[in-house]
Amino acid sequence: MDNFSQQNQQSFANCKFNTNRDVMITMLTWGSAEGKRNLGILFVASFLALVLIVALGSESVVLIGIFLFLSMLLGMSFLNQNKIIQKNVDKFIKTKGLSFTTIDFYDSYMIVGNQREVENNAILVAYDKIKSSVQQDGYIYFTFRRDGSKKTWASCVCIDALQGDVQRVLQIFANVKNFSQKTTVQRQPALLSDKTRVFLIALFVLTILSLWIAPMIANMLVQSSPLPQFTGTLPEKMWVCWALLPIPVLSICLGVYFGKKGYKAKKNVVAGFIIAVLLVLFGCFSVFIKVEHDMAFLNEIEVVTSMTLPDQGDISVIEANESNPETQALARFYDEQKTQFENMISTDDRWQNNVNGFYSAIDLYHHAVTQDYDKFCFYDVTNKTFNNSNLPTSSFVFMAYDIEDGLLYIIYV
């Protein structure tokens, strides 16, 4: 209990009423607006983090998965918050029973107390600590901060149960900066036909699943592509997320349409919005990570290194940019081109069986990618030397070749 004294003070009004289930749910739901805002802030932060991952060209599937899970968790928490409140209220009533709330009003503060058989708690609330209030359906719901606490509390006043200077009490809440007065519009309950209800439920489920269906389709496209091993192939195929956007958009449109008619379709709107935003963000991978397929890149490497490379096959290239100075490429050769190239590098002493002479010049990531490759070549563009990283250099070409799959991995800095 907060420390306060009632000596030589007399309340000018008081209120005592039964806090029934509906009142408690309305009070807690309305009072949890700050909690919803906090969830919204975290949710937006997750989206911004995903945008940052895309913008930086991150290829960490684990990191992306974490943010996806966090976004979905926050979204579902936001959607189910009112249901959680109702469940907690039912549990509270079942274990402790309903109680009478008593409020005594004084010149500069009020004392809010919950009176039950087993406990009697009271809280002193200064009027300047009231953050917001709303008058609705014969009650005044308000939120406040207790001294020394950052937590927001919620309570309410039953106007019909007020005794004393009622107008002064009403004026106190009307003077709160964030005060509003609402009137509940009573609607006849609208019942959906069985077919429509099943369709909306199915659309809601399909909307949620589309977030998993899109990566699955993208992965199928990757596996059917000529170079599924290339790190840029999956981001290149993420445009498929945009192809599934009609599903959440339809969920939003139908949710709004039936909602205006009084049906319960809010979950379709909210889920559709969340999934649509996520699909748009994931689809942006195909825009931010640009993959080209021009064999002319091998001609450029030939000019730089004075080496002969095949001019036919499949290739994927991610060009260097401001955030990444490396141009990364993966090429695959077939049949005669593959045979001729392998015969050439088998007798060319510039192609080695290991990376011992230039290990320190190559990032660990590239070592991991090429650990099962067979032939390696390092060309120091600055000093015009092969397979020697002892001299300081600002530009080099690293090539690794996999004989079994006919893959040529190239890094050009």
Protein backbone atom coordinates (compact mmCIF):
# COMPACT_ATOMS: atom_id res chain seq x y z
CA MET A 1 0.00 0.00 0.00
CA ASP A 2 1.27 3.50 -0.80
CA ASN A 3 2.11 5.60 2.25
CA PHE A 4 -0.49 8.29 2.77
CA SER A 5 -2.44 9.90 5.60
CA GLN A 6 -6.09 10.83 5.74
CA GLN A 7 -5.88 12.89 8.94
CA ASN A 8 -7.72 16.22 8.92
CA GLN A 9 -8.96 15.51 5.39
CA GLN A 10 -12.48 14.90 4.19
CA SER A 11 -13.49 13.50 0.81
CA PHE A 12 -15.92 15.55 -1.26
CA ALA A 13 -17.22 12.50 -3.15
CA ASN A 14 -17.01 8.73 -3.13
CA CYS A 15 -17.95 5.79 -5.28
CA LYS A 16 -18.50 2.09 -4.55
CA PHE A 17 -19.48 -0.38 -7.24
CA ASN A 18 -19.18 -4.01 -8.23
CA THR A 19 -16.39 -4.58 -10.79
CA ASN A 20 -18.14 -7.19 -12.91
CA ARG A 21 -16.46 -9.18 -15.64
CA ASP A 22 -17.40 -6.90 -18.56
CA VAL A 23 -16.21 -3.80 -16.73
CA MET A 24 -12.88 -5.44 -15.83
CA ILE A 25 -12.30 -6.58 -19.42
CA THR A 26 -13.15 -3.14 -20.85
CA MET A 27 -10.96 -1.42 -18.28
CA LEU A 28 -7.95 -3.67 -18.81
CA THR A 29 -8.31 -3.76 -22.59
CA TRP A 30 -8.53 0.02 -22.80
CA GLY A 31 -5.77 0.43 -20.24
CA SER A 32 -3.46 -1.86 -22.20
CA ALA A 33 -3.16 0.63 -25.06
CA GLU A 34 0.35 1.48 -23.95
CA GLY A 35 1.27 -2.18 -24.01
CA LYS A 36 -0.05 -2.41 -27.56
CA ARG A 37 2.03 0.60 -28.53
CA ASN A 38 5.12 -1.07 -27.08
CA LEU A 39 4.36 -4.22 -29.07
CA GLY A 40 3.92 -2.08 -32.15
CA ILE A 41 7.28 -0.39 -31.58
CA LEU A 42 9.01 -3.75 -31.25
CA PHE A 43 7.19 -5.02 -34.30
CA VAL A 44 8.28 -2.02 -36.38
CA ALA A 45 11.83 -2.46 -35.04
CA SER A 46 11.80 -6.03 -36.32
CA PHE A 47 10.71 -4.82 -39.74
CA LEU A 48 13.42 -2.16 -39.80
CA ALA A 49 15.98 -4.76 -38.80
CA LEU A 50 14.86 -6.96 -41.70
CA VAL A 51 15.15 -4.00 -44.06
CA LEU A 52 18.68 -3.41 -42.72
CA ILE A 53 19.58 -7.04 -43.34
CA VAL A 54 18.35 -6.75 -46.92
CA ALA A 55 20.10 -3.42 -47.48
CA LEU A 56 23.43 -4.75 -46.22
CA GLY A 57 23.11 -7.86 -48.34
CA SER A 58 23.24 -10.25 -45.40
CA GLU A 59 23.07 -13.92 -46.37
CA SER A 60 22.60 -15.29 -42.85
CA VAL A 61 19.54 -17.55 -43.02
CA VAL A 62 19.67 -17.99 -39.24
CA LEU A 63 19.57 -14.23 -38.63
CA ILE A 64 16.71 -13.78 -41.07
CA GLY A 65 14.84 -16.65 -39.42
CA ILE A 66 15.25 -15.07 -35.99
CA PHE A 67 13.75 -11.78 -37.14
CA LEU A 68 10.97 -13.60 -38.96
CA PHE A 69 10.10 -15.57 -35.83
CA LEU A 70 10.29 -12.40 -33.70
CA SER A 71 7.99 -10.52 -36.05
CA MET A 72 5.45 -13.34 -36.11
CA LEU A 73 5.62 -13.69 -32.32
CA LEU A 74 5.03 -9.98 -31.79
CA GLY A 75 2.26 -9.96 -34.37
CA MET A 76 0.41 -12.88 -32.79
CA SER A 77 0.86 -11.36 -29.32
CA PHE A 78 -0.67 -8.15 -30.61
CA LEU A 79 -3.59 -9.99 -32.19
CA ASN A 80 -4.33 -12.12 -29.14
CA GLN A 81 -3.83 -9.50 -26.43
CA ASN A 82 -7.53 -8.90 -25.86
CA LYS A 83 -8.19 -12.65 -25.68
CA ILE A 84 -5.37 -13.01 -23.18
CA ILE A 85 -6.90 -10.24 -21.06
CA GLN A 86 -10.31 -11.95 -21.08
CA LYS A 87 -8.73 -15.26 -20.13
CA ASN A 88 -6.82 -13.65 -17.24
CA VAL A 89 -9.96 -11.87 -16.02
CA ASP A 90 -11.91 -15.15 -16.03
CA LYS A 91 -9.09 -16.84 -14.11
CA PHE A 92 -8.95 -13.95 -11.62
CA ILE A 93 -12.71 -14.06 -10.98
CA LYS A 94 -12.61 -17.84 -10.61
CA THR A 95 -9.83 -17.77 -8.00
CA LYS A 96 -10.62 -14.55 -6.10
CA GLY A 97 -14.18 -13.71 -7.01
CA LEU A 98 -15.67 -10.34 -7.90
CA SER A 99 -14.90 -7.38 -5.70
CA PHE A 100 -16.21 -3.90 -4.87
CA THR A 101 -14.06 -1.00 -5.98
CA THR A 102 -14.23 2.01 -3.67
CA ILE A 103 -12.90 5.42 -4.63
CA ASP A 104 -12.74 8.43 -2.28
CA PHE A 105 -12.07 11.82 -3.86
CA TYR A 106 -10.04 14.51 -2.06
CA ASP A 107 -8.84 17.95 -3.09
CA SER A 108 -5.64 16.84 -4.89
CA TYR A 109 -5.85 13.07 -5.03
CA MET A 110 -8.16 10.07 -4.83
CA ILE A 111 -7.81 6.76 -3.02
CA VAL A 112 -8.66 3.69 -5.08
CA GLY A 113 -9.28 0.54 -3.07
CA ASN A 114 -10.34 -3.02 -3.91
CA GLN A 115 -12.25 -4.57 -1.01
CA ARG A 116 -12.54 -8.36 -0.69
CA GLU A 117 -12.95 -10.72 2.20
CA VAL A 118 -9.29 -11.72 2.22
CA GLU A 119 -7.52 -8.50 1.22
CA ASN A 120 -7.92 -4.75 1.30
CA ASN A 121 -5.54 -2.83 -0.99
CA ALA A 122 -5.64 0.91 -1.53
CA ILE A 123 -3.70 3.17 -3.89
CA LEU A 124 -3.28 6.93 -3.63
CA VAL A 125 -3.57 8.51 -7.09
CA ALA A 126 -2.71 12.18 -7.45
CA TYR A 127 -4.85 13.88 -10.07
CA ASP A 128 -1.76 15.08 -11.94
CA LYS A 129 -0.68 11.42 -12.30
CA ILE A 130 -3.74 10.58 -14.43
CA LYS A 131 -2.43 10.04 -17.95
CA SER A 132 -5.66 9.60 -19.90
CA SER A 133 -9.37 9.04 -19.39
CA VAL A 134 -12.42 8.16 -21.45
CA GLN A 135 -16.12 8.33 -20.54
CA GLN A 136 -18.12 5.47 -22.04
CA ASP A 137 -21.31 3.58 -21.22
CA GLY A 138 -21.77 5.09 -17.75
CA TYR A 139 -18.16 4.55 -16.70
CA ILE A 140 -15.02 6.68 -16.67
CA TYR A 141 -11.98 4.56 -17.49
CA PHE A 142 -8.60 6.07 -16.66
CA THR A 143 -4.90 5.20 -16.58
CA PHE A 144 -2.37 6.51 -14.10
CA ARG A 145 1.20 6.19 -12.87
CA ARG A 146 2.06 5.37 -9.28
CA ASP A 147 4.92 7.21 -7.58
CA GLY A 148 8.24 5.49 -8.21
CA SER A 149 6.83 3.17 -10.86
CA LYS A 150 7.00 3.32 -14.66
CA LYS A 151 4.14 0.86 -15.04
CA THR A 152 0.78 2.18 -16.23
CA TRP A 153 -2.26 1.12 -14.17
CA ALA A 154 -5.91 1.19 -15.18
CA SER A 155 -9.10 1.68 -13.18
CA CYS A 156 -12.59 3.08 -13.63
CA VAL A 157 -15.42 5.01 -11.96
CA CYS A 158 -19.11 4.08 -12.16
CA ILE A 159 -20.91 7.40 -12.70
CA ASP A 160 -24.26 6.10 -11.39
CA ALA A 161 -22.60 5.02 -8.13
CA LEU A 162 -21.04 8.44 -7.45
CA GLN A 163 -22.14 10.19 -4.27
CA GLY A 164 -21.27 13.73 -3.24
CA ASP A 165 -20.07 16.45 -5.61
CA VAL A 166 -20.57 14.48 -8.81
CA GLN A 167 -19.95 17.42 -11.16
CA ARG A 168 -16.59 18.13 -9.55
CA VAL A 169 -15.55 14.52 -10.11
CA LEU A 170 -16.62 14.66 -13.74
CA GLN A 171 -14.71 17.90 -14.18
CA ILE A 172 -11.52 16.34 -12.77
CA PHE A 173 -11.50 13.69 -15.49
CA ALA A 174 -12.67 16.12 -18.18
CA ASN A 175 -9.60 18.26 -17.40
CA VAL A 176 -7.23 15.37 -18.11
CA LYS A 177 -5.13 16.17 -21.18
CA ASN A 178 -6.04 12.93 -22.96
CA PHE A 179 -9.79 12.87 -22.30
CA SER A 180 -12.39 11.54 -24.70
CA GLN A 181 -16.07 10.70 -24.57
CA LYS A 182 -17.36 7.73 -26.52
CA THR A 183 -20.76 6.28 -27.21
CA THR A 184 -21.04 2.61 -27.97
CA VAL A 185 -23.11 1.90 -31.06
CA GLN A 186 -25.28 -1.13 -30.48
CA ARG A 187 -25.43 -3.40 -33.50
CA GLN A 188 -27.54 -6.36 -34.21
CA PRO A 189 -25.21 -9.33 -34.25
CA ALA A 190 -24.36 -10.21 -37.84
CA LEU A 191 -24.10 -13.88 -38.66
CA LEU A 192 -22.06 -15.15 -41.57
CA SER A 193 -23.27 -18.01 -43.67
CA ASP A 194 -21.39 -21.25 -43.07
CA LYS A 195 -19.72 -21.10 -46.48
CA THR A 196 -18.56 -17.49 -46.01
CA ARG A 197 -17.29 -18.16 -42.50
CA VAL A 198 -15.34 -21.23 -43.65
CA PHE A 199 -13.95 -19.27 -46.59
CA LEU A 200 -12.72 -16.42 -44.35
CA ILE A 201 -11.11 -18.90 -41.96
CA ALA A 202 -9.46 -20.74 -44.85
CA LEU A 203 -8.25 -17.43 -46.29
CA PHE A 204 -6.83 -16.44 -42.89
CA VAL A 205 -4.94 -19.75 -42.63
CA LEU A 206 -3.70 -19.49 -46.23
CA THR A 207 -2.53 -15.94 -45.55
CA ILE A 208 -0.41 -17.12 -42.63
CA LEU A 209 0.93 -20.10 -44.59
CA SER A 210 1.89 -17.92 -47.56
CA LEU A 211 4.84 -16.70 -45.53
CA TRP A 212 6.18 -20.27 -45.56
CA ILE A 213 4.92 -21.17 -49.04
CA ALA A 214 6.87 -18.32 -50.67
CA PRO A 215 10.34 -19.49 -49.44
CA MET A 216 9.44 -23.07 -50.37
CA ILE A 217 8.62 -22.06 -53.94
CA ALA A 218 11.76 -19.89 -54.07
CA ASN A 219 13.84 -22.85 -52.92
CA MET A 220 12.29 -25.04 -55.65
CA LEU A 221 13.26 -22.42 -58.23
CA VAL A 222 16.78 -22.36 -56.78
CA GLN A 223 17.15 -26.13 -57.07
CA SER A 224 15.99 -26.06 -60.70
CA SER A 225 18.40 -23.24 -61.63
CA PRO A 226 21.78 -23.89 -63.34
CA LEU A 227 23.74 -22.64 -60.30
CA PRO A 228 21.87 -23.50 -57.08
CA GLN A 229 25.19 -23.45 -55.16
CA PHE A 230 25.65 -19.71 -55.70
CA THR A 231 24.90 -17.62 -52.60
CA GLY A 232 22.99 -15.04 -54.63
CA THR A 233 20.59 -17.50 -56.26
CA LEU A 234 18.10 -17.65 -53.36
CA PRO A 235 17.84 -13.85 -52.95
CA GLU A 236 17.42 -13.59 -56.74
CA LYS A 237 14.38 -15.88 -56.58
CA MET A 238 12.71 -14.09 -53.66
CA TRP A 239 10.58 -12.13 -56.13
CA VAL A 240 8.15 -15.02 -55.70
CA CYS A 241 7.09 -13.37 -52.41
CA TRP A 242 5.55 -10.58 -54.45
CA ALA A 243 3.69 -13.13 -56.58
CA LEU A 244 1.84 -14.30 -53.43
CA LEU A 245 0.82 -10.78 -52.36
CA PRO A 246 -2.73 -11.16 -53.77
CA ILE A 247 -3.50 -13.64 -50.96
CA PRO A 248 -2.99 -11.24 -47.98
CA VAL A 249 -4.38 -8.32 -50.02
CA LEU A 250 -7.57 -10.31 -50.64
CA SER A 251 -7.71 -11.13 -46.93
CA ILE A 252 -7.47 -7.42 -46.09
CA CYS A 253 -10.14 -6.39 -48.62
CA LEU A 254 -12.64 -9.05 -47.56
CA GLY A 255 -11.91 -8.39 -43.89
CA VAL A 256 -12.67 -4.69 -44.33
CA TYR A 257 -15.76 -5.43 -46.44
CA PHE A 258 -17.33 -7.87 -43.97
CA GLY A 259 -16.16 -5.78 -41.00
CA LYS A 260 -18.17 -2.81 -42.21
CA LYS A 261 -21.20 -5.06 -42.36
CA GLY A 262 -20.74 -5.96 -38.70
CA TYR A 263 -19.10 -9.36 -39.10
CA LYS A 264 -16.08 -10.46 -37.09
CA ALA A 265 -13.32 -10.34 -39.68
CA LYS A 266 -10.67 -8.24 -37.94
CA LYS A 267 -8.18 -11.11 -37.86
CA ASN A 268 -8.23 -11.26 -41.67
CA VAL A 269 -7.35 -7.57 -41.88
CA VAL A 270 -4.56 -7.62 -39.31
CA ALA A 271 -3.02 -10.92 -40.47
CA GLY A 272 -3.25 -9.80 -44.10
CA PHE A 273 -1.46 -6.54 -43.32
CA ILE A 274 1.34 -8.22 -41.34
CA ILE A 275 1.95 -10.94 -43.93
CA ALA A 276 1.76 -8.47 -46.83
CA VAL A 277 4.44 -6.28 -45.27
CA LEU A 278 6.69 -9.28 -44.63
CA LEU A 279 6.25 -10.56 -48.20
CA VAL A 280 7.10 -7.13 -49.58
CA LEU A 281 10.23 -6.96 -47.43
CA PHE A 282 11.43 -10.44 -48.36
CA GLY A 283 10.71 -9.75 -52.02
CA CYS A 284 13.09 -6.79 -51.79
CA PHE A 285 16.01 -9.24 -51.61
CA SER A 286 15.68 -9.70 -55.38
CA VAL A 287 16.05 -5.93 -55.83
CA PHE A 288 18.84 -5.13 -53.39
CA ILE A 289 20.98 -8.15 -54.29
CA LYS A 290 21.40 -7.86 -58.05
CA VAL A 291 22.62 -10.98 -59.82
CA GLU A 292 23.83 -10.77 -63.43
CA HIS A 293 24.39 -13.60 -65.91
CA ASP A 294 26.84 -12.16 -68.44
CA MET A 295 29.79 -14.35 -69.50
CA ALA A 296 31.61 -11.11 -70.40
CA PHE A 297 32.81 -11.06 -66.79
CA LEU A 298 35.18 -13.93 -67.63
CA ASN A 299 36.61 -11.83 -70.45
CA GLU A 300 37.39 -9.13 -67.90
CA ILE A 301 39.19 -11.66 -65.67
CA GLU A 302 41.13 -12.90 -68.71
CA VAL A 303 42.37 -9.38 -69.42
CA VAL A 304 43.37 -8.77 -65.78
CA THR A 305 45.16 -12.12 -65.25
CA SER A 306 46.33 -12.86 -68.82
CA MET A 307 44.85 -16.34 -68.46
CA THR A 308 42.53 -18.21 -70.80
CA LEU A 309 39.03 -19.02 -69.54
CA PRO A 310 36.04 -20.68 -71.26
CA ASP A 311 33.57 -18.37 -72.98
CA GLN A 312 30.51 -20.64 -72.84
CA GLY A 313 28.46 -21.93 -69.89
CA ASP A 314 26.32 -20.56 -67.10
CA ILE A 315 27.42 -17.75 -64.79
CA SER A 316 26.02 -15.70 -61.90
CA VAL A 317 27.76 -12.50 -60.81
CA ILE A 318 27.23 -10.11 -57.89
CA GLU A 319 29.06 -6.91 -58.74
CA ALA A 320 31.00 -4.93 -56.16
CA ASN A 321 29.25 -1.95 -54.58
CA GLU A 322 29.84 0.72 -51.94
CA SER A 323 29.15 -1.64 -49.05
CA ASN A 324 30.97 -4.65 -50.54
CA PRO A 325 34.19 -4.12 -52.57
CA GLU A 326 34.24 -7.74 -53.80
CA THR A 327 32.81 -8.96 -57.08
CA GLN A 328 31.71 -12.56 -56.55
CA ALA A 329 30.97 -14.99 -59.38
CA LEU A 330 30.26 -18.66 -59.98
CA ALA A 331 30.46 -20.24 -63.44
CA ARG A 332 29.68 -23.75 -64.66
CA PHE A 333 31.20 -25.28 -67.78
CA TYR A 334 29.91 -28.21 -69.79
CA ASP A 335 31.18 -30.93 -72.11
CA GLU A 336 33.99 -29.80 -74.42
CA GLN A 337 34.52 -26.47 -72.66
CA LYS A 338 34.86 -28.26 -69.33
CA THR A 339 37.30 -30.86 -70.68
CA GLN A 340 39.52 -28.32 -72.41
CA PHE A 341 39.70 -26.09 -69.33
CA GLU A 342 40.56 -28.99 -67.01
CA ASN A 343 43.30 -30.19 -69.37
CA MET A 344 44.74 -26.69 -69.43
CA ILE A 345 44.84 -26.10 -65.67
CA SER A 346 46.25 -29.58 -65.01
CA THR A 347 49.50 -28.53 -66.77
CA ASP A 348 49.51 -24.85 -65.72
CA ASP A 349 51.70 -24.35 -62.63
CA ARG A 350 49.75 -21.16 -61.80
CA TRP A 351 46.92 -23.46 -60.66
CA GLN A 352 47.77 -25.12 -57.36
CA ASN A 353 46.26 -27.94 -55.33
CA ASN A 354 46.05 -25.86 -52.11
CA VAL A 355 45.93 -22.29 -50.83
CA ASN A 356 49.02 -22.40 -48.60
CA GLY A 357 50.82 -19.56 -50.39
CA PHE A 358 47.95 -17.07 -50.08
CA TYR A 359 45.75 -18.39 -47.27
CA SER A 360 45.85 -15.17 -45.22
CA ALA A 361 44.67 -13.03 -48.14
CA ILE A 362 41.33 -14.83 -48.47
CA ASP A 363 38.37 -14.38 -46.11
CA LEU A 364 37.32 -17.38 -44.07
CA TYR A 365 33.93 -17.32 -45.79
CA HIS A 366 35.53 -17.99 -49.18
CA HIS A 367 37.71 -20.71 -47.67
CA ALA A 368 34.55 -22.37 -46.35
CA VAL A 369 32.81 -22.17 -49.73
CA THR A 370 35.76 -23.62 -51.63
CA GLN A 371 37.02 -26.17 -49.09
CA ASP A 372 36.04 -29.08 -51.36
CA TYR A 373 37.39 -27.52 -54.54
CA ASP A 374 40.38 -29.03 -56.34
CA LYS A 375 42.41 -26.27 -58.02
CA PHE A 376 43.25 -22.75 -56.79
CA CYS A 377 44.83 -19.64 -58.24
CA PHE A 378 45.63 -16.27 -56.65
CA TYR A 379 46.69 -13.29 -58.76
CA ASP A 380 47.98 -10.10 -57.10
CA VAL A 381 46.78 -7.37 -59.47
CA THR A 382 48.78 -4.67 -57.66
CA ASN A 383 52.14 -6.46 -57.79
CA LYS A 384 51.38 -8.66 -60.84
CA THR A 385 52.38 -11.90 -59.11
CA PHE A 386 50.74 -15.32 -58.79
CA ASN A 387 50.07 -17.30 -55.61
CA ASN A 388 51.99 -14.97 -53.29
CA SER A 389 50.27 -12.83 -50.66
CA ASN A 390 53.38 -11.67 -48.81
CA LEU A 391 53.40 -8.29 -50.58
CA PRO A 392 50.81 -5.64 -49.63
CA THR A 393 48.06 -5.45 -52.23
CA SER A 394 44.84 -3.53 -52.79
CA SER A 395 43.52 -5.64 -55.65
CA PHE A 396 43.56 -9.37 -56.41
CA VAL A 397 41.75 -12.19 -58.17
CA PHE A 398 41.06 -15.47 -56.38
CA MET A 399 39.83 -18.45 -58.40
CA ALA A 400 38.89 -21.97 -57.28
CA TYR A 401 37.77 -24.82 -59.52
CA ASP A 402 35.68 -27.90 -58.68
CA ILE A 403 36.49 -30.63 -61.18
CA GLU A 404 33.52 -32.88 -60.34
CA ASP A 405 30.82 -30.24 -60.91
CA GLY A 406 32.72 -28.05 -63.37
CA LEU A 407 32.34 -24.98 -61.12
CA LEU A 408 34.67 -21.97 -61.22
CA TYR A 409 34.43 -19.69 -58.17
CA ILE A 410 35.87 -16.19 -58.59
CA ILE A 411 36.49 -13.30 -56.20
CA TYR A 412 37.71 -10.04 -57.73
CA VAL A 413 38.68 -7.17 -55.46
